[in-house]
Amino acid sequence: MNIEQKVINTLRGLSADTVQKANSGHPGLPLGAAPAAFTLWAKAMKHNPHHAGWYNRDRFILAAGHGSALLYSLLHVFDYGLKLEDLQAFRQWGSLTPGHPEYGHTTGVEATTGPLGAGFAMAVGMAMGEAHLAAKYNREEYKPVDHYTYALCGDGCLMEGISSEAASLAGSLGLGKLIVVYDSNRITIEGSTEIAFTEDVAERFAAYHWQVLDVADGNDVAAIEKAIAEAKADLTRPSLIVTHTMIGYGCPALQGSEESHGAPLGADNVRAMKENLGLPAEKDFFVDADVYAYAKEVLQKGEQAEAEWNAAWAAYEKAYPELAEELSKRLSGKLDLAFMDEPDFWSFADKPNATRNLSGEVIQRIAAKTPVLFGGSADLAPSTKTYMKGQGDFGKQDYTGRNLHFGVRELAMAGILNGLELHGGFKAYGATFFVFSDYMKPMIRLAALMNIAPVYVLTHDSIGVGEDGPTHQPVEQLASLRSMPNVITFRPADAKETAAGWYAAMHSQQTPVALVLTRQNLPNYAGSGKEALKGAYILSDCEKAVPDVLLMASGSEVEPMMKAQAMLKADGIAARVISMPSFELFEKQPAEYKAKVMPPEVTVRLAMEAGS
């Protein structure tokens, strides 16, 4: 066999051994999709394994994250730092090769995937990020931003609604540097796709305004390479490359069967597969020297590509020093947010106002001072007050705009925000009504797991939605968001607390922040301000050193607590009002501070919040 086929079969052998050693995992997709993955990594993608974080690399997302054994085999063969011992520790506690790929845990993994369709939406977000930065910073003779986003997905990914939402938007935006390889093996856990998935996927994507390319034989590397070249040549549309493959390819007893999808092949079947593919049958985790030598040549191409980019960047810095400095700052993640500590940022008209309106004011202040703020709403900007004035609209005709129009696609919106954050250079936000945060939860959870920090602007936060009625009244959403690890939920009570919420969001680097905002007007309080960044603070105290009762509330419920304080004072009861916009930020405070705000000896406490 030629060296290319040998590398492909080595990837298959490593994947099968990886799953077999763990006695757990999904060998079927890796065996069928290995030729497409090889073609991407060896022939199409611009990447440097020895500098995995090189900014202008092409991005690759394994949307079908259950096929992680294939990704780990690629990372080993192409020298991303994974050793054979790491593959042998697949799906074991503490290993670098968990059951599904985890961003920030394994070098070379661009996104945490596993929930099907999620990687697809994140790839759309990455492509949007590339398009915006390229439009803003590239010049005719210099293109510091010039890379593709690739995703490998399966039948299950395209069944999930999030991929439909994201694909529809990507087609509307004409994201020509997004290329999705569809491993069409027509098998799911329960059997043939004939039982539940008989649509014409190619026609569907054509209707989304995608370029659709068909590779009849998923083992034909030349045909796959040709399709990728065609995809890259059309910069007006995203591309779907349909590769027709056989699940479990190479394993005589199980290829084409759902039995190869999500369970080890079995030792005897692995040996038979290796014999069939021309691999040493009795050797596990075997990689021949010429396979490593081939991968080294690929590495050298990647190093050369980065070296050329570095030289071009140096010339760009000289030609456009201001643009280069701004782009460098964006990509470093070190934002210049000093303006948020200036008095003007915390100054508001002294009149009742809805916190959604106040958030809108803050957004304008932030947008005017930093270019990284990038976002929009799920077709609700006039209600959520999230449109950045004077910043233009991101669209097919002009990618320089900073206002995103997600359409009525809350789940895809949240996934796209993740992709933007992963791409780098953005503080991404998305907005909808609070009750519809339920549509977003899976992608919020992934953001929390990946330690990235998008912002969610969630308005109409209580029964105060008014005439819309029970379908739009959030009931359990606050408790639900607060129960999710590594998410900051911030529910401000007035103007300065709203500014504090945005301050927390802009400064957060590893934790998503949800700003929960009212439709109805709220008063301003003399005692509010930056102290809200501690999560809870004394908004209005009593005259006694130790109060008789603590009154605690967040958001719109602070107002009745302030009234209650006055009523209790008239009855000789000393009450302290504690505004608590964020449980999570309060929990991070020192014990001394917590005791100062809530003295342990004061056991009479009343908390009030609009809930169930």
Foldseek 3Di string as FASTA:
>chain_A
DDLLLVLLVLLLQLLLLLQVLVQWAFSFCSNWQSLLVSLCLQPNWQAALVCLVQQQTEAEAAQQQSSQSSVLSVCDLLPNPDDSVLSSCACHPPGLHNSGHFAPSHRRHLATHNPAQLRLLLLLLLLLLLLQLQQVQPDPVFGLRDYAYEYEHEPVNVVDPLNLLSLLVQQQFQSLRYEYEYAYQQADLVGGCVVPNDDDVQVSSVVSNAAEAEDAASNDSVSSNVVVVVSNVRSRHHYYYYHHTWTPPQQVPDTNTSVSGIGNPDLVSSLSSCVSSVHNSVDHSDDDPVSSVSSVVSNVSSVVVSVVSVVSLVVSCVVPVVSSVLQVCQQVLPDDPVVLVDVVLQDDDQDWDWLLVLLLVNLQVVVVPHVQEAEEEQPQCVQSNNDHPPQDECGNVHSNRRYYHSHNNQQSRLSSCSSNQSSTRHQYEYEDALQCCVSNVVSLLSLQSNQAEHEYRHEQAAPLVPPVPDVRGAACSVVVQQVRPQEWEFFAAGNQSSSLQVVCRSPRGRGYYYYYIYSDIHGDAPQDHNVCLQQKAFRDFFPDQDFQEEEEEEYNVLVVVVVVQVVVVVVVGTYTYMYGRTPVSNVPDDPVRVCSRPPPVNPHYDYDYRHD
